[in-house]
Amino acid sequence: MPKEDSDFSLSGRMEESNFAYFEPEIESKSKGRSLVIFGIAFMLVTAGIFSYYFLNQSEIDSQILDNTAFKTLEEKMAKHYGVGQFGSEHAHAALVVFVNGDKIDFSHPQFQIQSKYIHFENDNPYLIHKHATDVPLDMLFASFGLKITSDCIGLNYESGASQYCTDKDNSMTFLVNGRSNSNINLYEIRHNDRILISFGNSELVSEQIKYLEILEIHDIPKINKLVPGKDISV
């Protein structure tokens, strides 16, 4: 028996002692139940996600493969246009683009070898190299940010991109070997082609054609060589 002057004999001490003794156990059980509930919920959610994936696996995998974030612009365009295997063809053509009488100089690094299928190279400002079948000029333009429509030319490679559109004083001219071509973006160059794109005063076109005609178009090399660091043949 506890003594009368002991703590157990005092009013309320027995209850306090019991509560203090059992409180950790109660709290531990409560935390344990919470963890069990959380674990069950997590397992149910995880099972639902995996069930959905396996039931729709083919569709999801297809979406991942087709996701534009996983493809470069060149890869998407090559697939869109049905471009042939790299190296399936080699052709050279001369291209000059004039905007308000000023010729775009394609010798700058930002224009050189931006696509393995069709490009300028060796700092040449006009000579196109095409390295596969079914490669349209649109792939060349897109590779460095030149956007061309029937009415406008957009220079998106410049800081603060600019656009020029036809009006009563300015027109667009597209010529391939001296003949008009209204769908220049889809045109596939052939060896020795001469291509003129001109925006501005149409009276300047005749002089621009003369300039285009004197440009040298190099023959196709019989033996290809490797461009260092670019892993492409020229």
C-alpha atoms as a PDB file:
ATOM      1  CA  MET A   1       0.000   0.000   0.000  1.00  0.00           C
ATOM      2  CA  PRO A   2       1.339   3.489  -0.754  1.00  0.00           C
ATOM      3  CA  LYS A   3       2.026   5.711   2.167  1.00  0.00           C
ATOM      4  CA  GLU A   4      -0.413   8.509   2.808  1.00  0.00           C
ATOM      5  CA  ASP A   5       2.225  11.113   2.123  1.00  0.00           C
ATOM      6  CA  SER A   6       3.373   9.504  -1.116  1.00  0.00           C
ATOM      7  CA  ASP A   7       2.608  11.006  -4.521  1.00  0.00           C
ATOM      8  CA  PHE A   8       0.207   8.163  -5.316  1.00  0.00           C
ATOM      9  CA  SER A   9      -1.961   9.077  -2.372  1.00  0.00           C
ATOM     10  CA  LEU A  10      -2.463  12.619  -3.566  1.00  0.00           C
ATOM     11  CA  SER A  11      -5.612  13.526  -5.492  1.00  0.00           C
ATOM     12  CA  GLY A  12      -5.103  13.262  -9.240  1.00  0.00           C
ATOM     13  CA  ARG A  13      -1.657  11.685  -9.049  1.00  0.00           C
ATOM     14  CA  MET A  14      -2.868   8.223 -10.077  1.00  0.00           C
ATOM     15  CA  GLU A  15      -4.579   9.599 -13.195  1.00  0.00           C
ATOM     16  CA  GLU A  16      -1.535  11.703 -14.129  1.00  0.00           C
ATOM     17  CA  SER A  17       0.760   8.763 -13.646  1.00  0.00           C
ATOM     18  CA  ASN A  18      -1.373   6.454 -15.800  1.00  0.00           C
ATOM     19  CA  PHE A  19      -1.697   9.061 -18.559  1.00  0.00           C
ATOM     20  CA  ALA A  20       2.016   9.770 -18.577  1.00  0.00           C
ATOM     21  CA  TYR A  21       2.714   6.049 -18.775  1.00  0.00           C
ATOM     22  CA  PHE A  22       0.290   5.211 -21.575  1.00  0.00           C
ATOM     23  CA  GLU A  23       0.598   8.447 -23.678  1.00  0.00           C
ATOM     24  CA  PRO A  24       3.683   7.329 -25.698  1.00  0.00           C
ATOM     25  CA  GLU A  25       1.987   4.049 -26.518  1.00  0.00           C
ATOM     26  CA  ILE A  26      -1.200   5.771 -27.684  1.00  0.00           C
ATOM     27  CA  GLU A  27       0.775   8.250 -29.798  1.00  0.00           C
ATOM     28  CA  SER A  28       2.863   5.447 -31.275  1.00  0.00           C
ATOM     29  CA  LYS A  29      -0.244   3.501 -32.265  1.00  0.00           C
ATOM     30  CA  SER A  30      -1.767   6.624 -33.837  1.00  0.00           C
ATOM     31  CA  LYS A  31       1.355   7.259 -35.927  1.00  0.00           C
ATOM     32  CA  GLY A  32       1.449   3.603 -36.909  1.00  0.00           C
ATOM     33  CA  ARG A  33      -2.152   3.724 -38.177  1.00  0.00           C
ATOM     34  CA  SER A  34      -1.360   6.898 -40.156  1.00  0.00           C
ATOM     35  CA  LEU A  35       1.626   5.258 -41.809  1.00  0.00           C
ATOM     36  CA  VAL A  36      -0.427   2.190 -42.680  1.00  0.00           C
ATOM     37  CA  ILE A  37      -3.184   4.340 -44.206  1.00  0.00           C
ATOM     38  CA  PHE A  38      -0.633   6.389 -46.164  1.00  0.00           C
ATOM     39  CA  GLY A  39       1.071   3.217 -47.381  1.00  0.00           C
ATOM     40  CA  ILE A  40      -2.201   1.696 -48.559  1.00  0.00           C
ATOM     41  CA  ALA A  41      -3.182   4.930 -50.344  1.00  0.00           C
ATOM     42  CA  PHE A  42       0.224   5.135 -52.031  1.00  0.00           C
ATOM     43  CA  MET A  43      -0.021   1.528 -53.193  1.00  0.00           C
ATOM     44  CA  LEU A  44      -3.523   2.111 -54.608  1.00  0.00           C
ATOM     45  CA  VAL A  45      -2.441   5.241 -56.516  1.00  0.00           C
ATOM     46  CA  THR A  46       0.701   3.522 -57.834  1.00  0.00           C
ATOM     47  CA  ALA A  47      -1.279   0.470 -58.879  1.00  0.00           C
ATOM     48  CA  GLY A  48      -3.768   2.713 -60.690  1.00  0.00           C
ATOM     49  CA  ILE A  49      -1.001   4.514 -62.596  1.00  0.00           C
ATOM     50  CA  PHE A  50       0.692   1.279 -63.649  1.00  0.00           C
ATOM     51  CA  SER A  51      -2.636  -0.287 -64.603  1.00  0.00           C
ATOM     52  CA  TYR A  52      -3.453   2.699 -66.799  1.00  0.00           C
ATOM     53  CA  TYR A  53      -0.004   2.572 -68.406  1.00  0.00           C
ATOM     54  CA  PHE A  54      -0.137  -1.140 -69.216  1.00  0.00           C
ATOM     55  CA  LEU A  55      -3.681  -0.872 -70.562  1.00  0.00           C
ATOM     56  CA  ASN A  56      -2.658   2.045 -72.786  1.00  0.00           C
ATOM     57  CA  GLN A  57       1.017   1.233 -73.286  1.00  0.00           C
ATOM     58  CA  SER A  58       1.068   1.271 -77.066  1.00  0.00           C
ATOM     59  CA  GLU A  59      -0.720   4.604 -77.334  1.00  0.00           C
ATOM     60  CA  ILE A  60       1.442   6.260 -74.676  1.00  0.00           C
ATOM     61  CA  ASP A  61       4.691   4.995 -76.216  1.00  0.00           C
ATOM     62  CA  SER A  62       3.556   6.270 -79.595  1.00  0.00           C
ATOM     63  CA  GLN A  63       2.844   9.718 -78.147  1.00  0.00           C
ATOM     64  CA  ILE A  64       6.270   9.810 -76.525  1.00  0.00           C
ATOM     65  CA  LEU A  65       7.997   8.916 -79.785  1.00  0.00           C
ATOM     66  CA  ASP A  66       5.991  11.516 -81.689  1.00  0.00           C
ATOM     67  CA  ASN A  67       6.464  14.233 -79.071  1.00  0.00           C
ATOM     68  CA  THR A  68       8.040  17.258 -80.762  1.00  0.00           C
ATOM     69  CA  ALA A  69      10.219  17.836 -77.712  1.00  0.00           C
ATOM     70  CA  PHE A  70      12.176  14.697 -78.604  1.00  0.00           C
ATOM     71  CA  LYS A  71      12.849  15.679 -82.204  1.00  0.00           C
ATOM     72  CA  THR A  72      14.882  18.377 -83.871  1.00  0.00           C
ATOM     73  CA  LEU A  73      13.327  20.602 -86.517  1.00  0.00           C
ATOM     74  CA  GLU A  74      15.457  18.897 -89.161  1.00  0.00           C
ATOM     75  CA  GLU A  75      14.294  15.415 -88.116  1.00  0.00           C
ATOM     76  CA  LYS A  76      10.652  16.486 -88.171  1.00  0.00           C
ATOM     77  CA  MET A  77      11.004  18.115 -91.594  1.00  0.00           C
ATOM     78  CA  ALA A  78      12.883  15.134 -93.021  1.00  0.00           C
ATOM     79  CA  LYS A  79      10.051  12.867 -91.920  1.00  0.00           C
ATOM     80  CA  HIS A  80       7.385  15.290 -93.157  1.00  0.00           C
ATOM     81  CA  TYR A  81       8.895  15.580 -96.636  1.00  0.00           C
ATOM     82  CA  GLY A  82       9.961  11.939 -96.903  1.00  0.00           C
ATOM     83  CA  VAL A  83      13.602  12.853 -97.374  1.00  0.00           C
ATOM     84  CA  GLY A  84      15.844  10.074 -98.619  1.00  0.00           C
ATOM     85  CA  GLN A  85      18.812   8.603 -96.815  1.00  0.00           C
ATOM     86  CA  PHE A  86      21.716  10.975 -96.274  1.00  0.00           C
ATOM     87  CA  GLY A  87      24.148  10.569 -99.173  1.00  0.00           C
ATOM     88  CA  SER A  88      21.496   9.247-101.567  1.00  0.00           C
ATOM     89  CA  GLU A  89      22.114  12.235-103.863  1.00  0.00           C
ATOM     90  CA  HIS A  90      24.547  15.115-104.288  1.00  0.00           C
ATOM     91  CA  ALA A  91      23.680  18.279-106.226  1.00  0.00           C
ATOM     92  CA  HIS A  92      24.923  21.864-106.377  1.00  0.00           C
ATOM     93  CA  ALA A  93      22.916  24.979-107.237  1.00  0.00           C
ATOM     94  CA  ALA A  94      23.383  28.730-107.040  1.00  0.00           C
ATOM     95  CA  LEU A  95      20.951  30.754-104.913  1.00  0.00           C
ATOM     96  CA  VAL A  96      20.796  34.502-104.455  1.00  0.00           C
ATOM     97  CA  VAL A  97      18.255  36.350-102.320  1.00  0.00           C
ATOM     98  CA  PHE A  98      17.774  40.104-102.620  1.00  0.00           C
ATOM     99  CA  VAL A  99      15.789  42.294-100.215  1.00  0.00           C
ATOM    100  CA  ASN A 100      15.241  45.861-101.409  1.00  0.00           C
ATOM    101  CA  GLY A 101      18.243  45.540-103.708  1.00  0.00           C
ATOM    102  CA  ASP A 102      20.590  44.188-101.001  1.00  0.00           C
ATOM    103  CA  LYS A 103      21.920  40.661-101.406  1.00  0.00           C
ATOM    104  CA  ILE A 104      21.852  38.408 -98.341  1.00  0.00           C
ATOM    105  CA  ASP A 105      25.383  37.186 -97.699  1.00  0.00           C
ATOM    106  CA  PHE A 106      25.170  33.500 -96.840  1.00  0.00           C
ATOM    107  CA  SER A 107      28.902  33.258 -96.117  1.00  0.00           C
ATOM    108  CA  HIS A 108      28.404  34.155 -92.439  1.00  0.00           C
ATOM    109  CA  PRO A 109      28.714  31.285 -89.902  1.00  0.00           C
ATOM    110  CA  GLN A 110      25.023  31.445 -88.971  1.00  0.00           C
ATOM    111  CA  PHE A 111      24.170  30.183 -92.505  1.00  0.00           C
ATOM    112  CA  GLN A 112      26.921  27.611 -92.922  1.00  0.00           C
ATOM    113  CA  ILE A 113      26.118  23.873 -92.570  1.00  0.00           C
ATOM    114  CA  GLN A 114      22.954  24.311 -90.507  1.00  0.00           C
ATOM    115  CA  SER A 115      21.443  21.145 -92.011  1.00  0.00           C
ATOM    116  CA  LYS A 116      23.214  17.991 -93.070  1.00  0.00           C
ATOM    117  CA  TYR A 117      20.749  17.452 -95.936  1.00  0.00           C
ATOM    118  CA  ILE A 118      20.996  20.859 -97.612  1.00  0.00           C
ATOM    119  CA  HIS A 119      23.326  23.740 -96.780  1.00  0.00           C
ATOM    120  CA  PHE A 120      25.978  26.290 -97.658  1.00  0.00           C
ATOM    121  CA  GLU A 121      29.567  25.402 -96.751  1.00  0.00           C
ATOM    122  CA  ASN A 122      33.223  26.511 -96.908  1.00  0.00           C
ATOM    123  CA  ASP A 123      32.105  30.149 -96.376  1.00  0.00           C
ATOM    124  CA  ASN A 124      30.608  30.214 -99.869  1.00  0.00           C
ATOM    125  CA  PRO A 125      27.819  32.847-100.030  1.00  0.00           C
ATOM    126  CA  TYR A 126      25.618  31.290-102.728  1.00  0.00           C
ATOM    127  CA  LEU A 127      26.373  27.624-103.536  1.00  0.00           C
ATOM    128  CA  ILE A 128      23.827  25.129-102.181  1.00  0.00           C
ATOM    129  CA  HIS A 129      24.874  21.540-101.453  1.00  0.00           C
ATOM    130  CA  LYS A 130      22.116  18.918-101.340  1.00  0.00           C
ATOM    131  CA  HIS A 131      22.945  15.472 -99.940  1.00  0.00           C
ATOM    132  CA  ALA A 132      19.738  13.446-100.215  1.00  0.00           C
ATOM    133  CA  THR A 133      16.744  12.893-102.453  1.00  0.00           C
ATOM    134  CA  ASP A 134      13.450  14.737-101.948  1.00  0.00           C
ATOM    135  CA  VAL A 135      14.957  17.663-100.019  1.00  0.00           C
ATOM    136  CA  PRO A 136      12.994  20.881-100.678  1.00  0.00           C
ATOM    137  CA  LEU A 137      14.406  24.380-100.348  1.00  0.00           C
ATOM    138  CA  ASP A 138      12.118  24.845 -97.362  1.00  0.00           C
ATOM    139  CA  MET A 139      14.550  22.737 -95.308  1.00  0.00           C
ATOM    140  CA  LEU A 140      17.410  25.055 -96.212  1.00  0.00           C
ATOM    141  CA  PHE A 141      15.431  28.181 -95.315  1.00  0.00           C
ATOM    142  CA  ALA A 142      14.146  26.751 -92.032  1.00  0.00           C
ATOM    143  CA  SER A 143      17.643  25.675 -90.951  1.00  0.00           C
ATOM    144  CA  PHE A 144      18.700  29.298 -90.445  1.00  0.00           C
ATOM    145  CA  GLY A 145      15.410  31.133 -89.958  1.00  0.00           C
ATOM    146  CA  LEU A 146      14.515  32.438 -93.410  1.00  0.00           C
ATOM    147  CA  LYS A 147      10.752  32.322 -93.933  1.00  0.00           C
ATOM    148  CA  ILE A 148       9.398  32.812 -97.438  1.00  0.00           C
ATOM    149  CA  THR A 149       5.791  32.944 -98.593  1.00  0.00           C
ATOM    150  CA  SER A 150       4.222  34.085-101.844  1.00  0.00           C
ATOM    151  CA  ASP A 151       3.825  37.610-100.453  1.00  0.00           C
ATOM    152  CA  CYS A 152       6.449  38.014 -97.714  1.00  0.00           C
ATOM    153  CA  ILE A 153      10.006  37.298 -96.726  1.00  0.00           C
ATOM    154  CA  GLY A 154      10.850  37.025 -93.033  1.00  0.00           C
ATOM    155  CA  LEU A 155      14.389  37.413 -91.747  1.00  0.00           C
ATOM    156  CA  ASN A 156      13.996  35.579 -88.442  1.00  0.00           C
ATOM    157  CA  TYR A 157      17.699  35.021 -87.933  1.00  0.00           C
ATOM    158  CA  GLU A 158      18.286  38.710 -87.172  1.00  0.00           C
ATOM    159  CA  SER A 159      17.988  40.320 -83.762  1.00  0.00           C
ATOM    160  CA  GLY A 160      14.403  41.538 -83.521  1.00  0.00           C
ATOM    161  CA  ALA A 161      13.362  39.655 -86.691  1.00  0.00           C
ATOM    162  CA  SER A 162      12.015  41.671 -89.604  1.00  0.00           C
ATOM    163  CA  GLN A 163       9.454  40.932 -92.311  1.00  0.00           C
ATOM    164  CA  TYR A 164       8.900  42.442 -95.748  1.00  0.00           C
ATOM    165  CA  CYS A 165       5.613  42.040 -97.602  1.00  0.00           C
ATOM    166  CA  THR A 166       4.431  43.049-101.035  1.00  0.00           C
ATOM    167  CA  ASP A 167       2.580  46.314-101.614  1.00  0.00           C
ATOM    168  CA  LYS A 168       2.016  48.705-104.514  1.00  0.00           C
ATOM    169  CA  ASP A 169       5.747  49.499-104.691  1.00  0.00           C
ATOM    170  CA  ASN A 170       7.301  46.146-103.854  1.00  0.00           C
ATOM    171  CA  SER A 171       6.827  42.673-105.304  1.00  0.00           C
ATOM    172  CA  MET A 172       8.178  39.147-104.830  1.00  0.00           C
ATOM    173  CA  THR A 173       9.987  37.339-107.633  1.00  0.00           C
ATOM    174  CA  PHE A 174      10.883  33.642-107.700  1.00  0.00           C
ATOM    175  CA  LEU A 175      12.901  32.370-110.649  1.00  0.00           C
ATOM    176  CA  VAL A 176      14.468  28.965-111.301  1.00  0.00           C
ATOM    177  CA  ASN A 177      16.732  28.969-114.357  1.00  0.00           C
ATOM    178  CA  GLY A 178      15.000  32.128-115.543  1.00  0.00           C
ATOM    179  CA  ARG A 179      11.484  30.713-115.209  1.00  0.00           C
ATOM    180  CA  SER A 180       8.889  31.785-112.662  1.00  0.00           C
ATOM    181  CA  ASN A 181       8.243  29.342-109.821  1.00  0.00           C
ATOM    182  CA  SER A 182       5.377  30.194-107.487  1.00  0.00           C
ATOM    183  CA  ASN A 183       6.067  27.356-105.027  1.00  0.00           C
ATOM    184  CA  ILE A 184       9.751  27.953-104.326  1.00  0.00           C
ATOM    185  CA  ASN A 185       9.685  26.413-100.832  1.00  0.00           C
ATOM    186  CA  LEU A 186       8.840  22.968-102.196  1.00  0.00           C
ATOM    187  CA  TYR A 187      11.269  23.134-105.083  1.00  0.00           C
ATOM    188  CA  GLU A 188      13.969  20.438-105.039  1.00  0.00           C
ATOM    189  CA  ILE A 189      17.183  21.635-106.600  1.00  0.00           C
ATOM    190  CA  ARG A 190      18.843  19.871-109.487  1.00  0.00           C
ATOM    191  CA  HIS A 191      22.510  20.114-110.256  1.00  0.00           C
ATOM    192  CA  ASN A 192      23.455  23.416-111.950  1.00  0.00           C
ATOM    193  CA  ASP A 193      20.164  25.161-111.070  1.00  0.00           C
ATOM    194  CA  ARG A 194      20.240  28.932-110.686  1.00  0.00           C
ATOM    195  CA  ILE A 195      17.643  30.320-108.298  1.00  0.00           C
ATOM    196  CA  LEU A 196      16.667  33.931-107.700  1.00  0.00           C
ATOM    197  CA  ILE A 197      14.457  35.210-104.875  1.00  0.00           C
ATOM    198  CA  SER A 198      13.916  38.943-104.932  1.00  0.00           C
ATOM    199  CA  PHE A 199      11.790  41.311-102.867  1.00  0.00           C
ATOM    200  CA  GLY A 200      11.465  44.954-103.768  1.00  0.00           C
ATOM    201  CA  ASN A 201      11.442  46.990-106.949  1.00  0.00           C
ATOM    202  CA  SER A 202      10.825  44.611-109.861  1.00  0.00           C
ATOM    203  CA  GLU A 203      12.933  46.829-112.131  1.00  0.00           C
ATOM    204  CA  LEU A 204      16.042  45.536-110.339  1.00  0.00           C
ATOM    205  CA  VAL A 205      15.387  41.908-111.254  1.00  0.00           C
ATOM    206  CA  SER A 206      17.084  41.996-114.649  1.00  0.00           C
ATOM    207  CA  GLU A 207      20.382  43.127-113.080  1.00  0.00           C
ATOM    208  CA  GLN A 208      20.042  40.518-110.373  1.00  0.00           C
ATOM    209  CA  ILE A 209      19.605  37.789-112.987  1.00  0.00           C
ATOM    210  CA  LYS A 210      22.826  38.915-114.702  1.00  0.00           C
ATOM    211  CA  TYR A 211      24.657  38.649-111.401  1.00  0.00           C
ATOM    212  CA  LEU A 212      23.244  35.149-110.794  1.00  0.00           C
ATOM    213  CA  GLU A 213      24.327  33.950-114.254  1.00  0.00           C
ATOM    214  CA  ILE A 214      28.015  34.687-113.697  1.00  0.00           C
ATOM    215  CA  LEU A 215      28.277  32.676-110.457  1.00  0.00           C
ATOM    216  CA  GLU A 216      30.349  29.497-110.723  1.00  0.00           C
ATOM    217  CA  ILE A 217      28.666  26.216-109.840  1.00  0.00           C
ATOM    218  CA  HIS A 218      31.213  23.609-108.813  1.00  0.00           C
ATOM    219  CA  ASP A 219      31.135  20.101-110.203  1.00  0.00           C
ATOM    220  CA  ILE A 220      30.222  17.211-107.925  1.00  0.00           C
ATOM    221  CA  PRO A 221      33.443  15.725-106.483  1.00  0.00           C
ATOM    222  CA  LYS A 222      34.077  12.120-107.511  1.00  0.00           C
ATOM    223  CA  ILE A 223      35.489  11.277-104.090  1.00  0.00           C
ATOM    224  CA  ASN A 224      33.714  12.636-101.051  1.00  0.00           C
ATOM    225  CA  LYS A 225      35.674  14.059 -98.172  1.00  0.00           C
ATOM    226  CA  LEU A 226      34.700  14.387 -94.552  1.00  0.00           C
ATOM    227  CA  VAL A 227      34.070  17.806 -93.065  1.00  0.00           C
ATOM    228  CA  PRO A 228      35.951  17.876 -89.714  1.00  0.00           C
ATOM    229  CA  GLY A 229      33.586  17.982 -86.771  1.00  0.00           C
ATOM    230  CA  LYS A 230      30.468  17.902 -88.922  1.00  0.00           C
ATOM    231  CA  ASP A 231      30.354  14.215 -89.870  1.00  0.00           C
ATOM    232  CA  ILE A 232      28.963  14.934 -93.338  1.00  0.00           C
ATOM    233  CA  SER A 233      30.289  14.399 -96.830  1.00  0.00           C
ATOM    234  CA  VAL A 234      30.643  17.212 -99.356  1.00  0.00           C
END
